[in-house]
Amino acid sequence: VQLQAYGGGLVQAGGFLRLSCAASGRTFSSYFMGWFRQAPGKEREFVSAISASGVITRYTDSVKGRFTISRDNVKNTVYLQMNFLEPEDTAVYYCAVSSIVAITTAARYYAYWGQGTLVTVSS
């Protein structure tokens, strides 16, 4: 599985961005997917995850109500709509494919990772 994440950029606090992650492979619709982020000097952290069908989603507390994860299984793409961005959201964002059939926040359960896309939020 190959993942290509894009959509990052520089935005002012309060602004919005939509990240996309395009996946290769015919079985995309069977994958549970996740978004993680890594800020400078910090460890990678879970942001959001979505079930294969898109019905079940999960978010880390700091982004609840601001970020929305979704997917298009026809386009083999998962999205992360990020609204009301804060400087604390500045990080490299990674999409990943889960190796288990369950929503999980643990990075060790994600088998494939994209290259990351940088989001910078200015104050």
PDB file of N, CA and C in Angstrom:
ATOM      1  N   VAL A   1       0.842  -1.189   0.000  1.00  0.00           N
ATOM      2  CA  VAL A   1       0.000   0.000   0.000  1.00  0.00           C
ATOM      3  C   VAL A   1       0.881   1.244   0.000  1.00  0.00           C
ATOM      4  N   GLN A   2       0.575   2.162  -0.875  1.00  0.00           N
ATOM      5  CA  GLN A   2       1.292   3.437  -0.897  1.00  0.00           C
ATOM      6  C   GLN A   2       0.320   4.559  -0.609  1.00  0.00           C
ATOM      7  N   LEU A   3       0.777   5.493   0.213  1.00  0.00           N
ATOM      8  CA  LEU A   3      -0.066   6.606   0.626  1.00  0.00           C
ATOM      9  C   LEU A   3       0.597   7.921   0.243  1.00  0.00           C
ATOM     10  N   GLN A   4      -0.194   8.843  -0.245  1.00  0.00           N
ATOM     11  CA  GLN A   4       0.293  10.169  -0.618  1.00  0.00           C
ATOM     12  C   GLN A   4      -0.564  11.198   0.070  1.00  0.00           C
ATOM     13  N   ALA A   5       0.016  11.878   1.044  1.00  0.00           N
ATOM     14  CA  ALA A   5      -0.704  12.913   1.774  1.00  0.00           C
ATOM     15  C   ALA A   5      -0.373  14.288   1.202  1.00  0.00           C
ATOM     16  N   TYR A   6      -1.377  15.136   1.140  1.00  0.00           N
ATOM     17  CA  TYR A   6      -1.155  16.492   0.642  1.00  0.00           C
ATOM     18  C   TYR A   6      -2.233  17.413   1.197  1.00  0.00           C
ATOM     19  N   GLY A   7      -2.029  18.710   0.968  1.00  0.00           N
ATOM     20  CA  GLY A   7      -2.999  19.692   1.435  1.00  0.00           C
ATOM     21  C   GLY A   7      -2.512  20.578   2.568  1.00  0.00           C
ATOM     22  N   GLY A   8      -1.328  20.307   3.078  1.00  0.00           N
ATOM     23  CA  GLY A   8      -0.788  21.140   4.134  1.00  0.00           C
ATOM     24  C   GLY A   8      -0.397  22.519   3.616  1.00  0.00           C
ATOM     25  N   GLY A   9      -0.046  23.385   4.546  1.00  0.00           N
ATOM     26  CA  GLY A   9       0.359  24.725   4.161  1.00  0.00           C
ATOM     27  C   GLY A   9       0.415  25.642   5.360  1.00  0.00           C
ATOM     28  N   LEU A  10       0.545  26.925   5.069  1.00  0.00           N
ATOM     29  CA  LEU A  10       0.605  27.958   6.110  1.00  0.00           C
ATOM     30  C   LEU A  10      -0.754  28.646   6.191  1.00  0.00           C
ATOM     31  N   VAL A  11      -1.277  28.727   7.394  1.00  0.00           N
ATOM     32  CA  VAL A  11      -2.583  29.343   7.594  1.00  0.00           C
ATOM     33  C   VAL A  11      -2.571  30.113   8.902  1.00  0.00           C
ATOM     34  N   GLN A  12      -3.364  31.151   8.978  1.00  0.00           N
ATOM     35  CA  GLN A  12      -3.461  31.917  10.219  1.00  0.00           C
ATOM     36  C   GLN A  12      -4.365  31.204  11.222  1.00  0.00           C
ATOM     37  N   ALA A  13      -4.141  31.481  12.469  1.00  0.00           N
ATOM     38  CA  ALA A  13      -4.996  30.933  13.510  1.00  0.00           C
ATOM     39  C   ALA A  13      -6.457  31.280  13.229  1.00  0.00           C
ATOM     40  N   GLY A  14      -7.315  30.293  13.417  1.00  0.00           N
ATOM     41  CA  GLY A  14      -8.726  30.467  13.106  1.00  0.00           C
ATOM     42  C   GLY A  14      -9.090  30.033  11.709  1.00  0.00           C
ATOM     43  N   GLY A  15      -8.102  29.772  10.897  1.00  0.00           N
ATOM     44  CA  GLY A  15      -8.329  29.360   9.520  1.00  0.00           C
ATOM     45  C   GLY A  15      -8.589  27.870   9.392  1.00  0.00           C
ATOM     46  N   PHE A  16      -8.602  27.401   8.145  1.00  0.00           N
ATOM     47  CA  PHE A  16      -8.913  26.001   7.904  1.00  0.00           C
ATOM     48  C   PHE A  16      -8.061  25.458   6.776  1.00  0.00           C
ATOM     49  N   LEU A  17      -7.918  24.142   6.793  1.00  0.00           N
ATOM     50  CA  LEU A  17      -7.245  23.388   5.734  1.00  0.00           C
ATOM     51  C   LEU A  17      -7.937  22.041   5.605  1.00  0.00           C
ATOM     52  N   ARG A  18      -7.837  21.458   4.443  1.00  0.00           N
ATOM     53  CA  ARG A  18      -8.295  20.081   4.266  1.00  0.00           C
ATOM     54  C   ARG A  18      -7.137  19.248   3.763  1.00  0.00           C
ATOM     55  N   LEU A  19      -6.780  18.258   4.539  1.00  0.00           N
ATOM     56  CA  LEU A  19      -5.753  17.323   4.129  1.00  0.00           C
ATOM     57  C   LEU A  19      -6.401  16.150   3.394  1.00  0.00           C
ATOM     58  N   SER A  20      -5.664  15.653   2.419  1.00  0.00           N
ATOM     59  CA  SER A  20      -6.113  14.479   1.679  1.00  0.00           C
ATOM     60  C   SER A  20      -5.014  13.430   1.720  1.00  0.00           C
ATOM     61  N   CYS A  21      -5.425  12.194   1.634  1.00  0.00           N
ATOM     62  CA  CYS A  21      -4.475  11.091   1.609  1.00  0.00           C
ATOM     63  C   CYS A  21      -4.983  10.079   0.586  1.00  0.00           C
ATOM     64  N   ALA A  22      -4.280   9.995  -0.519  1.00  0.00           N
ATOM     65  CA  ALA A  22      -4.653   9.073  -1.586  1.00  0.00           C
ATOM     66  C   ALA A  22      -3.896   7.763  -1.407  1.00  0.00           C
ATOM     67  N   ALA A  23      -4.620   6.669  -1.523  1.00  0.00           N
ATOM     68  CA  ALA A  23      -4.028   5.352  -1.301  1.00  0.00           C
ATOM     69  C   ALA A  23      -4.079   4.508  -2.562  1.00  0.00           C
ATOM     70  N   SER A  24      -3.076   3.707  -2.736  1.00  0.00           N
ATOM     71  CA  SER A  24      -3.075   2.750  -3.839  1.00  0.00           C
ATOM     72  C   SER A  24      -3.693   1.450  -3.343  1.00  0.00           C
ATOM     73  N   GLY A  25      -4.023   0.579  -4.260  1.00  0.00           N
ATOM     74  CA  GLY A  25      -4.524  -0.716  -3.857  1.00  0.00           C
ATOM     75  C   GLY A  25      -6.022  -0.861  -4.035  1.00  0.00           C
ATOM     76  N   ARG A  26      -6.439  -2.053  -4.382  1.00  0.00           N
ATOM     77  CA  ARG A  26      -7.839  -2.304  -4.662  1.00  0.00           C
ATOM     78  C   ARG A  26      -8.671  -2.506  -3.416  1.00  0.00           C
ATOM     79  N   THR A  27      -8.005  -2.727  -2.286  1.00  0.00           N
ATOM     80  CA  THR A  27      -8.742  -3.065  -1.076  1.00  0.00           C
ATOM     81  C   THR A  27      -8.832  -1.903  -0.106  1.00  0.00           C
ATOM     82  N   PHE A  28      -8.717  -0.690  -0.618  1.00  0.00           N
ATOM     83  CA  PHE A  28      -8.773   0.492   0.245  1.00  0.00           C
ATOM     84  C   PHE A  28     -10.027   0.493   1.098  1.00  0.00           C
ATOM     85  N   SER A  29     -11.128   0.075   0.535  1.00  0.00           N
ATOM     86  CA  SER A  29     -12.398   0.138   1.256  1.00  0.00           C
ATOM     87  C   SER A  29     -12.445  -0.801   2.452  1.00  0.00           C
ATOM     88  N   SER A  30     -11.474  -1.671   2.592  1.00  0.00           N
ATOM     89  CA  SER A  30     -11.428  -2.572   3.738  1.00  0.00           C
ATOM     90  C   SER A  30     -10.495  -2.086   4.836  1.00  0.00           C
ATOM     91  N   TYR A  31      -9.798  -0.969   4.587  1.00  0.00           N
ATOM     92  CA  TYR A  31      -8.804  -0.492   5.549  1.00  0.00           C
ATOM     93  C   TYR A  31      -9.419   0.459   6.575  1.00  0.00           C
ATOM     94  N   PHE A  32      -9.032   0.278   7.815  1.00  0.00           N
ATOM     95  CA  PHE A  32      -9.222   1.322   8.807  1.00  0.00           C
ATOM     96  C   PHE A  32      -8.054   2.286   8.636  1.00  0.00           C
ATOM     97  N   MET A  33      -8.330   3.579   8.693  1.00  0.00           N
ATOM     98  CA  MET A  33      -7.316   4.590   8.413  1.00  0.00           C
ATOM     99  C   MET A  33      -7.160   5.538   9.604  1.00  0.00           C
ATOM    100  N   GLY A  34      -5.991   6.155   9.669  1.00  0.00           N
ATOM    101  CA  GLY A  34      -5.766   7.115  10.739  1.00  0.00           C
ATOM    102  C   GLY A  34      -4.927   8.287  10.290  1.00  0.00           C
ATOM    103  N   TRP A  35      -5.045   9.360  11.036  1.00  0.00           N
ATOM    104  CA  TRP A  35      -4.177  10.529  10.881  1.00  0.00           C
ATOM    105  C   TRP A  35      -3.407  10.711  12.201  1.00  0.00           C
ATOM    106  N   PHE A  36      -2.132  10.976  12.044  1.00  0.00           N
ATOM    107  CA  PHE A  36      -1.274  11.295  13.177  1.00  0.00           C
ATOM    108  C   PHE A  36      -0.556  12.601  12.861  1.00  0.00           C
ATOM    109  N   ARG A  37       0.065  13.179  13.876  1.00  0.00           N
ATOM    110  CA  ARG A  37       0.853  14.377  13.644  1.00  0.00           C
ATOM    111  C   ARG A  37       2.065  14.379  14.564  1.00  0.00           C
ATOM    112  N   GLN A  38       3.092  15.089  14.118  1.00  0.00           N
ATOM    113  CA  GLN A  38       4.307  15.216  14.910  1.00  0.00           C
ATOM    114  C   GLN A  38       4.774  16.660  14.862  1.00  0.00           C
ATOM    115  N   ALA A  39       4.725  17.295  16.007  1.00  0.00           N
ATOM    116  CA  ALA A  39       5.196  18.667  16.123  1.00  0.00           C
ATOM    117  C   ALA A  39       6.699  18.666  16.379  1.00  0.00           C
ATOM    118  N   PRO A  40       7.368  19.769  16.068  1.00  0.00           N
ATOM    119  CA  PRO A  40       8.813  19.830  16.295  1.00  0.00           C
ATOM    120  C   PRO A  40       9.181  19.527  17.751  1.00  0.00           C
ATOM    121  N   GLY A  41      10.095  18.593  17.926  1.00  0.00           N
ATOM    122  CA  GLY A  41      10.559  18.249  19.260  1.00  0.00           C
ATOM    123  C   GLY A  41       9.621  17.385  20.072  1.00  0.00           C
ATOM    124  N   LYS A  42       8.554  16.936  19.436  1.00  0.00           N
ATOM    125  CA  LYS A  42       7.573  16.121  20.163  1.00  0.00           C
ATOM    126  C   LYS A  42       7.398  14.768  19.489  1.00  0.00           C
ATOM    127  N   GLU A  43       6.795  13.850  20.214  1.00  0.00           N
ATOM    128  CA  GLU A  43       6.541  12.538  19.648  1.00  0.00           C
ATOM    129  C   GLU A  43       5.303  12.570  18.748  1.00  0.00           C
ATOM    130  N   ARG A  44       5.239  11.604  17.871  1.00  0.00           N
ATOM    131  CA  ARG A  44       4.074  11.486  17.012  1.00  0.00           C
ATOM    132  C   ARG A  44       2.854  11.174  17.863  1.00  0.00           C
ATOM    133  N   GLU A  45       1.736  11.838  17.548  1.00  0.00           N
ATOM    134  CA  GLU A  45       0.526  11.623  18.319  1.00  0.00           C
ATOM    135  C   GLU A  45      -0.660  11.347  17.415  1.00  0.00           C
ATOM    136  N   PHE A  46      -1.585  10.596  17.956  1.00  0.00           N
ATOM    137  CA  PHE A  46      -2.821  10.268  17.245  1.00  0.00           C
ATOM    138  C   PHE A  46      -3.686  11.510  17.105  1.00  0.00           C
ATOM    139  N   VAL A  47      -4.324  11.643  15.946  1.00  0.00           N
ATOM    140  CA  VAL A  47      -5.259  12.742  15.714  1.00  0.00           C
ATOM    141  C   VAL A  47      -6.673  12.212  15.508  1.00  0.00           C
ATOM    142  N   SER A  48      -6.813  11.274  14.564  1.00  0.00           N
ATOM    143  CA  SER A  48      -8.145  10.804  14.229  1.00  0.00           C
ATOM    144  C   SER A  48      -8.050   9.475  13.505  1.00  0.00           C
ATOM    145  N   ALA A  49      -9.148   8.717  13.542  1.00  0.00           N
ATOM    146  CA  ALA A  49      -9.212   7.453  12.815  1.00  0.00           C
ATOM    147  C   ALA A  49     -10.623   7.241  12.305  1.00  0.00           C
ATOM    148  N   ILE A  50     -10.723   6.395  11.286  1.00  0.00           N
ATOM    149  CA  ILE A  50     -12.013   6.131  10.662  1.00  0.00           C
ATOM    150  C   ILE A  50     -12.092   4.667  10.268  1.00  0.00           C
ATOM    151  N   SER A  51     -13.268   4.102  10.422  1.00  0.00           N
ATOM    152  CA  SER A  51     -13.462   2.708  10.062  1.00  0.00           C
ATOM    153  C   SER A  51     -13.495   2.547   8.545  1.00  0.00           C
ATOM    154  N   ALA A  52     -13.485   1.322   8.102  1.00  0.00           N
ATOM    155  CA  ALA A  52     -13.456   1.031   6.673  1.00  0.00           C
ATOM    156  C   ALA A  52     -14.669   1.608   5.946  1.00  0.00           C
ATOM    157  N   SER A  53     -15.807   1.526   6.577  1.00  0.00           N
ATOM    158  CA  SER A  53     -17.033   2.026   5.951  1.00  0.00           C
ATOM    159  C   SER A  53     -17.209   3.523   6.134  1.00  0.00           C
ATOM    160  N   GLY A  54     -16.469   4.084   7.073  1.00  0.00           N
ATOM    161  CA  GLY A  54     -16.600   5.509   7.366  1.00  0.00           C
ATOM    162  C   GLY A  54     -17.620   5.832   8.436  1.00  0.00           C
ATOM    163  N   VAL A  55     -18.273   4.816   8.959  1.00  0.00           N
ATOM    164  CA  VAL A  55     -19.340   5.045   9.931  1.00  0.00           C
ATOM    165  C   VAL A  55     -18.780   5.402  11.307  1.00  0.00           C
ATOM    166  N   ILE A  56     -17.685   4.777  11.665  1.00  0.00           N
ATOM    167  CA  ILE A  56     -17.101   4.991  13.003  1.00  0.00           C
ATOM    168  C   ILE A  56     -15.879   5.889  12.887  1.00  0.00           C
ATOM    169  N   THR A  57     -15.835   6.903  13.725  1.00  0.00           N
ATOM    170  CA  THR A  57     -14.692   7.806  13.757  1.00  0.00           C
ATOM    171  C   THR A  57     -14.267   8.038  15.198  1.00  0.00           C
ATOM    172  N   ARG A  58     -13.041   8.488  15.347  1.00  0.00           N
ATOM    173  CA  ARG A  58     -12.524   8.798  16.672  1.00  0.00           C
ATOM    174  C   ARG A  58     -11.541   9.959  16.552  1.00  0.00           C
ATOM    175  N   TYR A  59     -11.514  10.795  17.606  1.00  0.00           N
ATOM    176  CA  TYR A  59     -10.651  11.968  17.598  1.00  0.00           C
ATOM    177  C   TYR A  59      -9.933  12.097  18.928  1.00  0.00           C
ATOM    178  N   THR A  60      -8.740  12.659  18.888  1.00  0.00           N
ATOM    179  CA  THR A  60      -8.107  13.040  20.133  1.00  0.00           C
ATOM    180  C   THR A  60      -8.844  14.253  20.691  1.00  0.00           C
ATOM    181  N   ASP A  61      -8.823  14.401  21.991  1.00  0.00           N
ATOM    182  CA  ASP A  61      -9.647  15.426  22.635  1.00  0.00           C
ATOM    183  C   ASP A  61      -9.355  16.840  22.120  1.00  0.00           C
ATOM    184  N   SER A  62      -8.115  17.124  21.818  1.00  0.00           N
ATOM    185  CA  SER A  62      -7.744  18.495  21.460  1.00  0.00           C
ATOM    186  C   SER A  62      -8.304  18.948  20.118  1.00  0.00           C
ATOM    187  N   VAL A  63      -8.788  18.023  19.286  1.00  0.00           N
ATOM    188  CA  VAL A  63      -9.308  18.417  17.975  1.00  0.00           C
ATOM    189  C   VAL A  63     -10.806  18.175  17.843  1.00  0.00           C
ATOM    190  N   LYS A  64     -11.418  17.596  18.853  1.00  0.00           N
ATOM    191  CA  LYS A  64     -12.860  17.330  18.785  1.00  0.00           C
ATOM    192  C   LYS A  64     -13.628  18.627  18.571  1.00  0.00           C
ATOM    193  N   GLY A  65     -14.567  18.574  17.637  1.00  0.00           N
ATOM    194  CA  GLY A  65     -15.361  19.755  17.329  1.00  0.00           C
ATOM    195  C   GLY A  65     -14.716  20.669  16.312  1.00  0.00           C
ATOM    196  N   ARG A  66     -13.449  20.444  16.015  1.00  0.00           N
ATOM    197  CA  ARG A  66     -12.748  21.279  15.031  1.00  0.00           C
ATOM    198  C   ARG A  66     -12.334  20.495  13.781  1.00  0.00           C
ATOM    199  N   PHE A  67     -11.953  19.252  13.960  1.00  0.00           N
ATOM    200  CA  PHE A  67     -11.503  18.417  12.849  1.00  0.00           C
ATOM    201  C   PHE A  67     -12.567  17.381  12.517  1.00  0.00           C
ATOM    202  N   THR A  68     -12.632  17.026  11.235  1.00  0.00           N
ATOM    203  CA  THR A  68     -13.542  15.986  10.774  1.00  0.00           C
ATOM    204  C   THR A  68     -12.815  15.063   9.810  1.00  0.00           C
ATOM    205  N   ILE A  69     -12.851  13.788  10.117  1.00  0.00           N
ATOM    206  CA  ILE A  69     -12.259  12.795   9.224  1.00  0.00           C
ATOM    207  C   ILE A  69     -13.356  12.182   8.372  1.00  0.00           C
ATOM    208  N   SER A  70     -13.033  11.922   7.119  1.00  0.00           N
ATOM    209  CA  SER A  70     -13.993  11.294   6.220  1.00  0.00           C
ATOM    210  C   SER A  70     -13.223  10.528   5.166  1.00  0.00           C
ATOM    211  N   ARG A  71     -13.949   9.795   4.358  1.00  0.00           N
ATOM    212  CA  ARG A  71     -13.280   9.022   3.314  1.00  0.00           C
ATOM    213  C   ARG A  71     -14.192   8.853   2.119  1.00  0.00           C
ATOM    214  N   ASP A  72     -13.566   8.631   0.984  1.00  0.00           N
ATOM    215  CA  ASP A  72     -14.272   8.333  -0.259  1.00  0.00           C
ATOM    216  C   ASP A  72     -13.672   7.043  -0.794  1.00  0.00           C
ATOM    217  N   ASN A  73     -14.399   5.965  -0.640  1.00  0.00           N
ATOM    218  CA  ASN A  73     -13.858   4.661  -1.030  1.00  0.00           C
ATOM    219  C   ASN A  73     -13.858   4.447  -2.542  1.00  0.00           C
ATOM    220  N   VAL A  74     -14.494   5.313  -3.265  1.00  0.00           N
ATOM    221  CA  VAL A  74     -14.417   5.255  -4.732  1.00  0.00           C
ATOM    222  C   VAL A  74     -13.118   5.914  -5.189  1.00  0.00           C
ATOM    223  N   LYS A  75     -12.770   7.004  -4.545  1.00  0.00           N
ATOM    224  CA  LYS A  75     -11.542   7.730  -4.899  1.00  0.00           C
ATOM    225  C   LYS A  75     -10.319   7.233  -4.123  1.00  0.00           C
ATOM    226  N   ASN A  76     -10.505   6.246  -3.256  1.00  0.00           N
ATOM    227  CA  ASN A  76      -9.388   5.714  -2.453  1.00  0.00           C
ATOM    228  C   ASN A  76      -8.687   6.825  -1.669  1.00  0.00           C
ATOM    229  N   THR A  77      -9.478   7.681  -1.071  1.00  0.00           N
ATOM    230  CA  THR A  77      -8.918   8.848  -0.401  1.00  0.00           C
ATOM    231  C   THR A  77      -9.573   9.043   0.966  1.00  0.00           C
ATOM    232  N   VAL A  78      -8.738   9.412   1.929  1.00  0.00           N
ATOM    233  CA  VAL A  78      -9.233   9.796   3.244  1.00  0.00           C
ATOM    234  C   VAL A  78      -8.895  11.269   3.446  1.00  0.00           C
ATOM    235  N   TYR A  79      -9.787  11.980   4.121  1.00  0.00           N
ATOM    236  CA  TYR A  79      -9.643  13.420   4.299  1.00  0.00           C
ATOM    237  C   TYR A  79      -9.583  13.778   5.785  1.00  0.00           C
ATOM    238  N   LEU A  80      -8.988  14.921   6.051  1.00  0.00           N
ATOM    239  CA  LEU A  80      -9.044  15.500   7.385  1.00  0.00           C
ATOM    240  C   LEU A  80      -9.349  16.982   7.213  1.00  0.00           C
ATOM    241  N   GLN A  81     -10.586  17.340   7.483  1.00  0.00           N
ATOM    242  CA  GLN A  81     -10.984  18.736   7.440  1.00  0.00           C
ATOM    243  C   GLN A  81     -10.634  19.367   8.780  1.00  0.00           C
ATOM    244  N   MET A  82      -9.822  20.401   8.738  1.00  0.00           N
ATOM    245  CA  MET A  82      -9.343  21.042   9.961  1.00  0.00           C
ATOM    246  C   MET A  82      -9.826  22.484   9.996  1.00  0.00           C
ATOM    247  N   ASN A  83     -10.710  22.779  10.933  1.00  0.00           N
ATOM    248  CA  ASN A  83     -11.263  24.126  11.086  1.00  0.00           C
ATOM    249  C   ASN A  83     -10.772  24.756  12.387  1.00  0.00           C
ATOM    250  N   PHE A  84     -10.888  26.071  12.459  1.00  0.00           N
ATOM    251  CA  PHE A  84     -10.492  26.805  13.665  1.00  0.00           C
ATOM    252  C   PHE A  84      -9.100  26.377  14.136  1.00  0.00           C
ATOM    253  N   LEU A  85      -8.183  26.390  13.206  1.00  0.00           N
ATOM    254  CA  LEU A  85      -6.835  25.941  13.505  1.00  0.00           C
ATOM    255  C   LEU A  85      -6.161  26.843  14.539  1.00  0.00           C
ATOM    256  N   GLU A  86      -5.342  26.212  15.342  1.00  0.00           N
ATOM    257  CA  GLU A  86      -4.617  26.888  16.402  1.00  0.00           C
ATOM    258  C   GLU A  86      -3.119  26.692  16.195  1.00  0.00           C
ATOM    259  N   PRO A  87      -2.297  27.597  16.713  1.00  0.00           N
ATOM    260  CA  PRO A  87      -0.844  27.410  16.568  1.00  0.00           C
ATOM    261  C   PRO A  87      -0.382  26.050  17.090  1.00  0.00           C
ATOM    262  N   GLU A  88      -1.075  25.520  18.085  1.00  0.00           N
ATOM    263  CA  GLU A  88      -0.706  24.205  18.640  1.00  0.00           C
ATOM    264  C   GLU A  88      -0.953  23.063  17.660  1.00  0.00           C
ATOM    265  N   ASP A  89      -1.663  23.327  16.583  1.00  0.00           N
ATOM    266  CA  ASP A  89      -1.898  22.308  15.561  1.00  0.00           C
ATOM    267  C   ASP A  89      -0.738  22.203  14.571  1.00  0.00           C
ATOM    268  N   THR A  90       0.228  23.088  14.685  1.00  0.00           N
ATOM    269  CA  THR A  90       1.385  23.059  13.795  1.00  0.00           C
ATOM    270  C   THR A  90       2.138  21.746  13.954  1.00  0.00           C
ATOM    271  N   ALA A  91       2.301  21.035  12.830  1.00  0.00           N
ATOM    272  CA  ALA A  91       2.937  19.720  12.865  1.00  0.00           C
ATOM    273  C   ALA A  91       3.016  19.178  11.452  1.00  0.00           C
ATOM    274  N   VAL A  92       3.764  18.102  11.316  1.00  0.00           N
ATOM    275  CA  VAL A  92       3.691  17.293  10.103  1.00  0.00           C
ATOM    276  C   VAL A  92       2.594  16.260  10.331  1.00  0.00           C
ATOM    277  N   TYR A  93       1.665  16.206   9.400  1.00  0.00           N
ATOM    278  CA  TYR A  93       0.533  15.298   9.502  1.00  0.00           C
ATOM    279  C   TYR A  93       0.757  14.086   8.607  1.00  0.00           C
ATOM    280  N   TYR A  94       0.526  12.914   9.180  1.00  0.00           N
ATOM    281  CA  TYR A  94       0.714  11.662   8.472  1.00  0.00           C
ATOM    282  C   TYR A  94      -0.594  10.875   8.420  1.00  0.00           C
ATOM    283  N   CYS A  95      -0.859  10.273   7.276  1.00  0.00           N
ATOM    284  CA  CYS A  95      -1.955   9.320   7.208  1.00  0.00           C
ATOM    285  C   CYS A  95      -1.353   7.917   7.266  1.00  0.00           C
ATOM    286  N   ALA A  96      -2.170   6.988   7.707  1.00  0.00           N
ATOM    287  CA  ALA A  96      -1.669   5.638   7.891  1.00  0.00           C
ATOM    288  C   ALA A  96      -2.792   4.621   7.753  1.00  0.00           C
ATOM    289  N   VAL A  97      -2.405   3.418   7.377  1.00  0.00           N
ATOM    290  CA  VAL A  97      -3.325   2.295   7.230  1.00  0.00           C
ATOM    291  C   VAL A  97      -3.171   1.382   8.435  1.00  0.00           C
ATOM    292  N   SER A  98      -4.287   1.088   9.062  1.00  0.00           N
ATOM    293  CA  SER A  98      -4.246   0.211  10.224  1.00  0.00           C
ATOM    294  C   SER A  98      -4.078  -1.243   9.791  1.00  0.00           C
ATOM    295  N   SER A  99      -3.341  -1.980  10.600  1.00  0.00           N
ATOM    296  CA  SER A  99      -3.152  -3.408  10.323  1.00  0.00           C
ATOM    297  C   SER A  99      -4.196  -4.262  11.026  1.00  0.00           C
ATOM    298  N   ILE A 100      -5.068  -3.613  11.771  1.00  0.00           N
ATOM    299  CA  ILE A 100      -6.119  -4.350  12.483  1.00  0.00           C
ATOM    300  C   ILE A 100      -7.482  -3.805  12.083  1.00  0.00           C
ATOM    301  N   VAL A 101      -8.478  -4.642  12.234  1.00  0.00           N
ATOM    302  CA  VAL A 101      -9.836  -4.259  11.859  1.00  0.00           C
ATOM    303  C   VAL A 101     -10.522  -3.669  13.097  1.00  0.00           C
ATOM    304  N   ALA A 102     -10.046  -2.489  13.450  1.00  0.00           N
ATOM    305  CA  ALA A 102     -10.591  -1.819  14.629  1.00  0.00           C
ATOM    306  C   ALA A 102     -10.064  -0.394  14.661  1.00  0.00           C
ATOM    307  N   ILE A 103     -10.819   0.467  15.309  1.00  0.00           N
ATOM    308  CA  ILE A 103     -10.340   1.829  15.527  1.00  0.00           C
ATOM    309  C   ILE A 103      -9.269   1.768  16.619  1.00  0.00           C
ATOM    310  N   THR A 104      -8.119   2.315  16.364  1.00  0.00           N
ATOM    311  CA  THR A 104      -7.063   2.320  17.369  1.00  0.00           C
ATOM    312  C   THR A 104      -6.301   3.628  17.322  1.00  0.00           C
ATOM    313  N   THR A 105      -5.840   4.075  18.483  1.00  0.00           N
ATOM    314  CA  THR A 105      -5.041   5.293  18.566  1.00  0.00           C
ATOM    315  C   THR A 105      -3.550   4.997  18.621  1.00  0.00           C
ATOM    316  N   ALA A 106      -3.178   3.743  18.675  1.00  0.00           N
ATOM    317  CA  ALA A 106      -1.780   3.351  18.855  1.00  0.00           C
ATOM    318  C   ALA A 106      -1.058   3.237  17.521  1.00  0.00           C
ATOM    319  N   ALA A 107       0.002   3.995  17.388  1.00  0.00           N
ATOM    320  CA  ALA A 107       0.750   4.018  16.133  1.00  0.00           C
ATOM    321  C   ALA A 107       1.310   2.657  15.760  1.00  0.00           C
ATOM    322  N   ARG A 108       1.590   1.828  16.741  1.00  0.00           N
ATOM    323  CA  ARG A 108       2.201   0.526  16.450  1.00  0.00           C
ATOM    324  C   ARG A 108       1.280  -0.394  15.670  1.00  0.00           C
ATOM    325  N   TYR A 109      -0.012  -0.089  15.638  1.00  0.00           N
ATOM    326  CA  TYR A 109      -0.961  -0.923  14.901  1.00  0.00           C
ATOM    327  C   TYR A 109      -1.156  -0.461  13.461  1.00  0.00           C
ATOM    328  N   TYR A 110      -0.457   0.589  13.068  1.00  0.00           N
ATOM    329  CA  TYR A 110      -0.570   1.104  11.708  1.00  0.00           C
ATOM    330  C   TYR A 110       0.633   0.622  10.903  1.00  0.00           C
ATOM    331  N   ALA A 111       0.331  -0.066   9.800  1.00  0.00           N
ATOM    332  CA  ALA A 111       1.388  -0.759   9.063  1.00  0.00           C
ATOM    333  C   ALA A 111       2.004   0.070   7.948  1.00  0.00           C
ATOM    334  N   TYR A 112       1.235   0.956   7.372  1.00  0.00           N
ATOM    335  CA  TYR A 112       1.707   1.737   6.239  1.00  0.00           C
ATOM    336  C   TYR A 112       1.493   3.219   6.523  1.00  0.00           C
ATOM    337  N   TRP A 113       2.499   4.006   6.146  1.00  0.00           N
ATOM    338  CA  TRP A 113       2.475   5.434   6.439  1.00  0.00           C
ATOM    339  C   TRP A 113       2.765   6.247   5.190  1.00  0.00           C
ATOM    340  N   GLY A 114       2.101   7.387   5.083  1.00  0.00           N
ATOM    341  CA  GLY A 114       2.432   8.330   4.033  1.00  0.00           C
ATOM    342  C   GLY A 114       3.642   9.150   4.430  1.00  0.00           C
ATOM    343  N   GLN A 115       4.046  10.045   3.550  1.00  0.00           N
ATOM    344  CA  GLN A 115       5.282  10.790   3.752  1.00  0.00           C
ATOM    345  C   GLN A 115       5.086  12.006   4.629  1.00  0.00           C
ATOM    346  N   GLY A 116       3.859  12.395   4.897  1.00  0.00           N
ATOM    347  CA  GLY A 116       3.603  13.538   5.753  1.00  0.00           C
ATOM    348  C   GLY A 116       3.427  14.823   4.967  1.00  0.00           C
ATOM    349  N   THR A 117       2.605  15.694   5.513  1.00  0.00           N
ATOM    350  CA  THR A 117       2.403  17.012   4.924  1.00  0.00           C
ATOM    351  C   THR A 117       2.423  18.031   6.062  1.00  0.00           C
ATOM    352  N   LEU A 118       3.139  19.121   5.858  1.00  0.00           N
ATOM    353  CA  LEU A 118       3.377  20.094   6.913  1.00  0.00           C
ATOM    354  C   LEU A 118       2.240  21.099   7.014  1.00  0.00           C
ATOM    355  N   VAL A 119       1.740  21.257   8.218  1.00  0.00           N
ATOM    356  CA  VAL A 119       0.738  22.274   8.522  1.00  0.00           C
ATOM    357  C   VAL A 119       1.360  23.260   9.500  1.00  0.00           C
ATOM    358  N   THR A 120       1.339  24.526   9.120  1.00  0.00           N
ATOM    359  CA  THR A 120       1.878  25.572   9.978  1.00  0.00           C
ATOM    360  C   THR A 120       0.781  26.599  10.242  1.00  0.00           C
ATOM    361  N   VAL A 121       0.497  26.818  11.510  1.00  0.00           N
ATOM    362  CA  VAL A 121      -0.547  27.764  11.892  1.00  0.00           C
ATOM    363  C   VAL A 121       0.118  28.932  12.606  1.00  0.00           C
ATOM    364  N   SER A 122      -0.023  30.103  12.027  1.00  0.00           N
ATOM    365  CA  SER A 122       0.592  31.294  12.617  1.00  0.00           C
ATOM    366  C   SER A 122      -0.393  31.991  13.555  1.00  0.00           C
ATOM    367  N   SER A 123       0.141  32.609  14.582  1.00  0.00           N
ATOM    368  CA  SER A 123      -0.718  33.300  15.560  1.00  0.00           C
ATOM    369  C   SER A 123      -0.966  34.742  15.169  1.00  0.00           C
TER     370      SER A 123
END
